[in-house]
Amino acid sequence: MNQQSSSYPQEPEFSLKGLIRARIQDLKYLLGFRKVFAIAILAGALIGVLLAWKWPVTYTARLTFVVEDTKGSGGGLISSLAGQFGVDLGGVGSSSGVLAGDNVQELLKSQKMIQRTLLTPYSGSTSLADAYAEAYGLKDKWKKHQQTGGAISFPLNDKRFTRLQDSLLQVMAKDITEKELSIKKTDKKLTFFELSTTTRDEKFSKLFTERLIQQATDFYIKTKTKTLRANIAHLERRADSITRILNKKTYSTYASNKVLLDLNPAYPTANAGIEVNERDKMVLSTIYSEIVKNLEANRTMLIQETPTFQVVDEPNLPLKKNRLGFLKAIVISVFLLTVLLAIYLFIRREFGGGTEEAAH
């Protein structure tokens, strides 16, 4: 029994004193390299200074906005009122849908919105896309590639871009979405959102933030009220058409009445044409009245159903400047360099190469 148990190695018992003694030995071993650590600290400080000096300065533009939207209960009431006029809104006013709730955040991050914003003016004929590429040195990088064939730009007046321009525009939009753009909700219980853009160009950060919210606002409202606007356009066309027909019937009835005065009383059927015109005129008047009622009802509903993007705080110059402080850079550099040096010395000791040097 004793032979069987002795064949298995036993784990050493944990000792707090032994652990402390081992750490003290490690510290004494590192103190044997005081000169090396002094050089490492000095080198880390110089690296930190150089890093803080070369670190690019960025500017952050913040914009806070609130989305006021019609909830489901209001939409149900409007749909009920519209039903009395024979108009089916097809669920307009419901808060569910592609643009409901937190999906506004995804709308602002969409490639379509960002690319549209990049193709807005920066100054003169220069687009925001050109300003972004210039700020990050992308144009110089593009010139080095043979596929670009020279300088690449994104003119404002161009309706169509080449395949290469579209590809580069997608790359810039992706970089902005992943690195420079941030959309968050300030409070989960509220509908306040904060949109911020951080880039190396102060003017670009401000313009891009303002233009992006404008692009998203136009798209959001246009999509949200698409059904009502289509109904209004259809009713307006019908109202204009019936107005023209009703005017013709009015002139026709007047002409028939004038002709009737010159007719021989012996022909009693002469009044039939006048009665037909009067009946058609009455029917058209009734139809026109109902269309006008529906049209005004839809216009009222359009006002009520149009969501509102209300900007609460907008970015103002000068923007917040972000830069790496010298003290922070020095502390980080010195810490990382000394930690790496300590790890290297411990690894070297394990292989038996640092014991003699530490002793000296």
Protein backbone atom coordinates (compact mmCIF):
# COMPACT_ATOMS: atom_id res chain seq x y z
CA MET A 1 0.00 0.00 0.00
CA ASN A 2 2.84 2.33 0.89
CA GLN A 3 4.70 1.42 -2.30
CA GLN A 4 1.63 2.22 -4.42
CA SER A 5 1.12 5.61 -2.81
CA SER A 6 4.78 6.57 -3.10
CA SER A 7 4.77 5.99 -6.85
CA TYR A 8 2.65 9.11 -7.38
CA PRO A 9 4.38 12.52 -6.92
CA GLN A 10 2.88 14.70 -4.20
CA GLU A 11 2.24 18.40 -4.75
CA PRO A 12 4.22 20.67 -2.42
CA GLU A 13 2.21 22.35 0.29
CA PHE A 14 1.39 26.01 -0.18
CA SER A 15 3.44 28.31 1.99
CA LEU A 16 2.83 32.03 2.26
CA LYS A 17 6.29 32.59 3.67
CA GLY A 18 7.78 30.71 0.75
CA LEU A 19 5.82 32.81 -1.71
CA ILE A 20 6.95 36.06 -0.08
CA ARG A 21 10.55 34.82 0.05
CA ALA A 22 10.42 33.97 -3.68
CA ARG A 23 9.10 37.44 -4.56
CA ILE A 24 11.84 39.06 -2.48
CA GLN A 25 14.41 37.05 -4.38
CA ASP A 26 12.85 38.19 -7.66
CA LEU A 27 13.06 41.80 -6.52
CA LYS A 28 16.70 41.42 -5.48
CA TYR A 29 17.44 39.85 -8.83
CA LEU A 30 15.91 42.82 -10.68
CA LEU A 31 17.77 45.31 -8.44
CA GLY A 32 20.95 43.77 -9.72
CA PHE A 33 20.17 45.42 -13.07
CA ARG A 34 19.65 48.96 -11.73
CA LYS A 35 21.73 50.55 -14.46
CA VAL A 36 19.83 48.71 -17.16
CA PHE A 37 16.50 49.82 -15.69
CA ALA A 38 17.73 53.42 -15.44
CA ILE A 39 18.59 53.36 -19.13
CA ALA A 40 15.19 51.80 -19.88
CA ILE A 41 13.38 54.51 -17.90
CA LEU A 42 15.30 57.24 -19.72
CA ALA A 43 14.61 55.61 -23.09
CA GLY A 44 10.92 55.22 -22.22
CA ALA A 45 10.68 58.90 -21.29
CA LEU A 46 12.26 59.94 -24.59
CA ILE A 47 9.92 57.62 -26.51
CA GLY A 48 6.93 59.09 -24.65
CA VAL A 49 7.96 62.66 -25.48
CA LEU A 50 8.46 61.77 -29.13
CA LEU A 51 5.15 59.88 -29.24
CA ALA A 52 3.20 62.79 -27.71
CA TRP A 53 4.86 65.23 -30.12
CA LYS A 54 4.09 63.15 -33.21
CA TRP A 55 0.65 61.98 -32.12
CA PRO A 56 -1.99 63.48 -34.49
CA VAL A 57 -4.42 66.00 -33.02
CA THR A 58 -8.12 65.23 -33.54
CA TYR A 59 -11.27 67.29 -33.12
CA THR A 60 -14.60 66.03 -31.80
CA ALA A 61 -17.92 67.49 -32.92
CA ARG A 62 -20.92 66.51 -30.78
CA LEU A 63 -24.57 66.96 -31.68
CA THR A 64 -27.52 66.02 -29.50
CA PHE A 65 -30.95 65.52 -31.05
CA VAL A 66 -34.33 64.11 -30.14
CA VAL A 67 -36.73 62.16 -32.35
CA GLU A 68 -40.40 62.89 -31.75
CA ASP A 69 -42.53 60.20 -33.34
CA THR A 70 -46.24 59.30 -33.30
CA LYS A 71 -47.02 56.28 -31.16
CA GLY A 72 -49.33 53.45 -31.97
CA SER A 73 -52.34 54.84 -30.08
CA GLY A 74 -52.30 58.09 -32.01
CA GLY A 75 -51.93 56.22 -35.26
CA GLY A 76 -54.98 54.07 -34.47
CA LEU A 77 -57.11 57.16 -33.86
CA ILE A 78 -56.00 58.78 -37.10
CA SER A 79 -56.63 55.59 -39.06
CA SER A 80 -60.13 55.43 -37.56
CA LEU A 81 -60.88 59.01 -38.56
CA ALA A 82 -59.52 58.41 -42.05
CA GLY A 83 -61.72 55.33 -42.39
CA GLN A 84 -64.81 57.54 -42.09
CA PHE A 85 -63.75 59.21 -45.33
CA GLY A 86 -63.07 55.88 -47.04
CA VAL A 87 -59.28 56.20 -46.89
CA ASP A 88 -57.18 53.18 -45.86
CA LEU A 89 -53.82 54.32 -44.42
CA GLY A 90 -52.41 50.79 -44.24
CA GLY A 91 -51.06 51.07 -40.71
CA VAL A 92 -49.61 54.57 -41.02
CA GLY A 93 -48.87 55.98 -37.59
CA SER A 94 -47.78 52.73 -36.00
CA SER A 95 -44.46 52.90 -34.18
CA SER A 96 -43.37 49.56 -35.57
CA GLY A 97 -41.33 49.37 -38.73
CA VAL A 98 -37.87 49.78 -40.16
CA LEU A 99 -37.37 53.24 -38.71
CA ALA A 100 -38.87 52.58 -35.29
CA GLY A 101 -37.08 53.07 -31.98
CA ASP A 102 -33.32 52.52 -31.82
CA ASN A 103 -33.08 51.81 -35.56
CA VAL A 104 -32.40 55.53 -35.97
CA GLN A 105 -28.87 54.76 -34.79
CA GLU A 106 -28.37 52.20 -37.54
CA LEU A 107 -29.76 54.65 -40.09
CA LEU A 108 -27.07 57.19 -39.20
CA LYS A 109 -24.37 54.51 -39.55
CA SER A 110 -25.61 53.25 -42.91
CA GLN A 111 -23.26 53.44 -45.88
CA LYS A 112 -25.87 55.27 -47.92
CA MET A 113 -26.19 58.15 -45.45
CA ILE A 114 -22.43 58.47 -44.94
CA GLN A 115 -21.61 58.40 -48.67
CA ARG A 116 -24.30 60.99 -49.37
CA THR A 117 -22.82 63.19 -46.66
CA LEU A 118 -19.29 62.81 -48.02
CA LEU A 119 -20.48 64.12 -51.39
CA THR A 120 -21.68 67.44 -49.93
CA PRO A 121 -19.64 70.68 -50.21
CA TYR A 122 -16.67 71.38 -47.94
CA SER A 123 -15.55 74.68 -49.43
CA GLY A 124 -16.13 75.89 -52.96
CA SER A 125 -16.07 72.93 -55.32
CA THR A 126 -14.28 70.67 -52.82
CA SER A 127 -16.34 67.86 -51.33
CA LEU A 128 -16.14 66.45 -47.82
CA ALA A 129 -14.71 63.26 -49.33
CA ASP A 130 -11.78 65.22 -50.79
CA ALA A 131 -11.21 66.98 -47.44
CA TYR A 132 -11.20 63.67 -45.57
CA ALA A 133 -8.76 62.07 -48.02
CA GLU A 134 -6.47 65.10 -47.75
CA ALA A 135 -6.53 65.15 -43.93
CA TYR A 136 -5.52 61.50 -43.66
CA GLY A 137 -2.99 61.52 -46.50
CA LEU A 138 -5.02 59.09 -48.56
CA LYS A 139 -4.45 60.90 -51.85
CA ASP A 140 -0.69 60.48 -51.56
CA LYS A 141 -1.16 56.76 -50.90
CA TRP A 142 -3.48 56.42 -53.88
CA LYS A 143 -0.94 58.06 -56.18
CA LYS A 144 1.57 55.30 -55.40
CA HIS A 145 -0.71 52.62 -56.81
CA GLN A 146 -0.65 52.12 -60.56
CA GLN A 147 -4.36 51.27 -60.67
CA THR A 148 -5.37 54.82 -59.68
CA GLY A 149 -3.64 56.37 -62.66
CA GLY A 150 -2.88 59.64 -60.86
CA ALA A 151 -4.83 61.95 -58.58
CA ILE A 152 -8.28 60.88 -57.41
CA SER A 153 -10.99 63.37 -56.49
CA PHE A 154 -14.73 63.39 -55.84
CA PRO A 155 -16.23 66.43 -57.64
CA LEU A 156 -19.60 67.72 -56.49
CA ASN A 157 -21.05 68.11 -59.97
CA ASP A 158 -20.34 64.53 -61.09
CA LYS A 159 -23.47 62.39 -61.23
CA ARG A 160 -21.62 59.14 -61.88
CA PHE A 161 -18.33 57.94 -60.49
CA THR A 162 -15.96 55.34 -61.85
CA ARG A 163 -15.66 51.92 -60.29
CA LEU A 164 -12.43 53.00 -58.58
CA GLN A 165 -14.02 56.16 -57.13
CA ASP A 166 -16.98 54.15 -55.80
CA SER A 167 -14.60 51.65 -54.23
CA LEU A 168 -12.51 54.34 -52.51
CA LEU A 169 -15.67 56.10 -51.33
CA GLN A 170 -16.83 52.86 -49.72
CA VAL A 171 -13.47 52.46 -47.99
CA MET A 172 -13.67 55.98 -46.53
CA ALA A 173 -17.27 55.44 -45.41
CA LYS A 174 -16.28 52.19 -43.69
CA ASP A 175 -13.33 53.85 -41.91
CA ILE A 176 -15.54 56.67 -40.68
CA THR A 177 -18.19 54.25 -39.40
CA GLU A 178 -15.71 52.05 -37.54
CA LYS A 179 -13.25 54.65 -36.24
CA GLU A 180 -14.53 58.24 -36.31
CA LEU A 181 -18.31 58.03 -35.85
CA SER A 182 -20.24 57.39 -32.64
CA ILE A 183 -24.01 57.34 -32.05
CA LYS A 184 -25.40 56.56 -28.63
CA LYS A 185 -28.49 57.10 -26.55
CA THR A 186 -27.95 59.44 -23.62
CA ASP A 187 -30.71 57.72 -21.64
CA LYS A 188 -32.48 54.43 -22.39
CA LYS A 189 -35.80 55.86 -21.17
CA LEU A 190 -35.58 58.96 -23.37
CA THR A 191 -35.41 59.54 -27.12
CA PHE A 192 -32.30 61.73 -26.91
CA PHE A 193 -29.38 60.68 -29.11
CA GLU A 194 -25.81 61.95 -29.25
CA LEU A 195 -23.94 61.95 -32.55
CA SER A 196 -20.20 62.63 -32.45
CA THR A 197 -17.50 62.70 -35.12
CA THR A 198 -13.77 62.73 -34.34
CA THR A 199 -11.34 63.48 -37.18
CA ARG A 200 -8.08 65.32 -37.83
CA ASP A 201 -9.87 68.19 -39.61
CA GLU A 202 -11.84 70.52 -37.33
CA LYS A 203 -14.04 71.95 -40.08
CA PHE A 204 -14.72 68.48 -41.50
CA SER A 205 -15.86 67.16 -38.10
CA LYS A 206 -18.35 69.99 -37.70
CA LEU A 207 -19.72 69.91 -41.26
CA PHE A 208 -19.92 66.12 -41.43
CA THR A 209 -21.89 65.90 -38.17
CA GLU A 210 -24.38 68.57 -39.25
CA ARG A 211 -24.78 67.22 -42.78
CA LEU A 212 -25.20 63.63 -41.64
CA ILE A 213 -28.10 64.51 -39.34
CA GLN A 214 -29.67 66.52 -42.18
CA GLN A 215 -29.37 63.63 -44.64
CA ALA A 216 -30.85 61.22 -42.12
CA THR A 217 -33.67 63.63 -41.26
CA ASP A 218 -34.73 64.05 -44.89
CA PHE A 219 -34.59 60.30 -45.54
CA TYR A 220 -36.41 59.43 -42.29
CA ILE A 221 -39.29 61.86 -42.84
CA LYS A 222 -39.64 60.99 -46.52
CA THR A 223 -39.81 57.27 -45.75
CA LYS A 224 -42.05 57.63 -42.71
CA THR A 225 -44.68 59.70 -44.58
CA LYS A 226 -44.39 57.99 -47.97
CA THR A 227 -47.90 56.45 -47.90
CA LEU A 228 -49.62 59.68 -46.90
CA ARG A 229 -47.75 61.72 -49.50
CA ALA A 230 -48.76 59.21 -52.18
CA ASN A 231 -52.41 59.47 -51.09
CA ILE A 232 -52.28 63.26 -51.16
CA ALA A 233 -50.69 63.33 -54.62
CA HIS A 234 -53.35 60.90 -55.93
CA LEU A 235 -56.23 62.94 -54.44
CA GLU A 236 -54.79 66.18 -55.81
CA ARG A 237 -54.66 64.72 -59.33
CA ARG A 238 -58.26 63.51 -59.05
CA ALA A 239 -59.43 66.87 -57.70
CA ASP A 240 -57.76 68.74 -60.57
CA SER A 241 -59.23 66.35 -63.13
CA ILE A 242 -62.78 66.62 -61.76
CA THR A 243 -62.44 70.41 -61.55
CA ARG A 244 -61.73 70.59 -65.28
CA ILE A 245 -64.66 68.29 -66.10
CA LEU A 246 -66.98 70.23 -63.79
CA ASN A 247 -66.02 73.49 -65.45
CA LYS A 248 -66.81 72.04 -68.86
CA LYS A 249 -70.20 70.80 -67.62
CA THR A 250 -70.96 74.24 -66.21
CA TYR A 251 -70.27 75.94 -69.54
CA SER A 252 -72.19 73.21 -71.38
CA THR A 253 -75.26 73.68 -69.15
CA TYR A 254 -75.16 77.43 -69.67
CA ALA A 255 -74.99 76.98 -73.46
CA SER A 256 -77.91 74.50 -73.39
CA ASN A 257 -80.04 76.96 -71.42
CA LYS A 258 -79.26 79.68 -73.93
CA VAL A 259 -80.21 77.46 -76.88
CA LEU A 260 -83.45 76.42 -75.16
CA LEU A 261 -84.74 80.01 -75.29
CA ASP A 262 -84.66 79.93 -79.10
CA LEU A 263 -86.32 76.53 -79.51
CA ASN A 264 -89.96 75.93 -80.58
CA PRO A 265 -92.14 75.04 -77.55
CA ALA A 266 -93.67 72.28 -79.67
CA TYR A 267 -90.57 70.09 -78.99
CA PRO A 268 -90.89 68.98 -75.30
CA THR A 269 -87.84 66.68 -75.48
CA ALA A 270 -85.52 69.65 -75.76
CA ASN A 271 -85.32 69.86 -71.96
CA ALA A 272 -83.77 66.35 -71.72
CA GLY A 273 -80.26 67.53 -72.58
CA ILE A 274 -80.41 70.22 -69.93
CA GLU A 275 -81.55 67.75 -67.27
CA VAL A 276 -78.74 65.34 -68.16
CA ASN A 277 -76.17 68.13 -67.86
CA GLU A 278 -77.63 69.24 -64.52
CA ARG A 279 -77.54 65.66 -63.20
CA ASP A 280 -73.92 65.15 -64.29
CA LYS A 281 -72.97 68.45 -62.79
CA MET A 282 -74.59 67.50 -59.46
CA VAL A 283 -72.84 64.11 -59.41
CA LEU A 284 -69.47 65.69 -60.19
CA SER A 285 -70.02 68.31 -57.49
CA THR A 286 -70.73 65.59 -54.92
CA ILE A 287 -67.64 63.60 -55.94
CA TYR A 288 -65.50 66.73 -55.89
CA SER A 289 -66.74 67.61 -52.40
CA GLU A 290 -65.82 64.15 -51.04
CA ILE A 291 -62.39 64.25 -52.66
CA VAL A 292 -61.68 67.65 -51.13
CA LYS A 293 -62.72 66.29 -47.71
CA ASN A 294 -60.37 63.32 -48.10
CA LEU A 295 -57.59 65.58 -49.33
CA GLU A 296 -57.83 67.91 -46.35
CA ALA A 297 -58.04 64.93 -43.97
CA ASN A 298 -54.83 63.46 -45.45
CA ARG A 299 -53.06 66.81 -45.26
CA THR A 300 -53.98 67.08 -41.59
CA MET A 301 -52.78 63.54 -40.96
CA LEU A 302 -49.52 64.27 -42.79
CA ILE A 303 -48.80 67.12 -40.39
CA GLN A 304 -49.57 64.92 -37.39
CA GLU A 305 -47.64 61.91 -38.68
CA THR A 306 -44.48 63.75 -39.75
CA PRO A 307 -41.74 62.89 -37.20
CA THR A 308 -39.49 65.63 -35.92
CA PHE A 309 -35.71 65.60 -35.62
CA GLN A 310 -35.08 68.36 -33.11
CA VAL A 311 -31.45 69.37 -32.63
CA VAL A 312 -30.84 70.20 -28.98
CA ASP A 313 -27.09 70.94 -28.95
CA GLU A 314 -25.09 71.52 -32.11
CA PRO A 315 -21.30 71.66 -32.55
CA ASN A 316 -19.73 75.10 -32.36
CA LEU A 317 -16.19 76.20 -33.16
CA PRO A 318 -13.69 75.76 -31.65
CA LEU A 319 -14.28 72.04 -31.23
CA LYS A 320 -12.86 69.86 -28.47
CA LYS A 321 -9.20 69.14 -29.23
CA ASN A 322 -7.92 65.64 -28.49
CA ARG A 323 -4.20 65.12 -28.10
CA LEU A 324 -1.91 62.73 -26.22
CA GLY A 325 -0.48 64.50 -23.17
CA PHE A 326 3.28 64.41 -22.57
CA LEU A 327 2.95 63.13 -19.00
CA LYS A 328 0.53 60.39 -19.98
CA ALA A 329 2.74 59.32 -22.89
CA ILE A 330 5.87 59.23 -20.71
CA VAL A 331 4.19 57.19 -17.95
CA ILE A 332 2.80 54.66 -20.42
CA SER A 333 6.07 54.31 -22.32
CA VAL A 334 8.20 53.93 -19.18
CA PHE A 335 5.78 51.39 -17.68
CA LEU A 336 5.62 49.23 -20.80
CA LEU A 337 9.36 49.33 -21.39
CA THR A 338 10.25 48.40 -17.80
CA VAL A 339 7.68 45.59 -17.72
CA LEU A 340 9.00 44.14 -20.96
CA LEU A 341 12.56 44.39 -19.63
CA ALA A 342 11.59 42.60 -16.41
CA ILE A 343 9.89 39.81 -18.36
CA TYR A 344 12.97 39.45 -20.55
CA LEU A 345 15.28 39.19 -17.50
CA PHE A 346 13.09 36.57 -15.82
CA ILE A 347 13.02 34.47 -19.00
CA ARG A 348 16.80 34.81 -19.30
CA ARG A 349 17.26 33.70 -15.69
CA GLU A 350 15.18 30.60 -16.29
CA PHE A 351 17.62 29.57 -18.99
CA GLY A 352 20.56 30.31 -16.69
CA GLY A 353 21.94 33.32 -18.48
CA GLY A 354 21.39 36.11 -15.98
CA THR A 355 22.60 34.78 -12.65
CA GLU A 356 26.23 35.69 -13.09
CA GLU A 357 25.50 39.17 -14.43
CA ALA A 358 23.09 39.86 -11.58
CA ALA A 359 25.75 38.92 -9.10
CA HIS A 360 28.17 41.43 -10.57
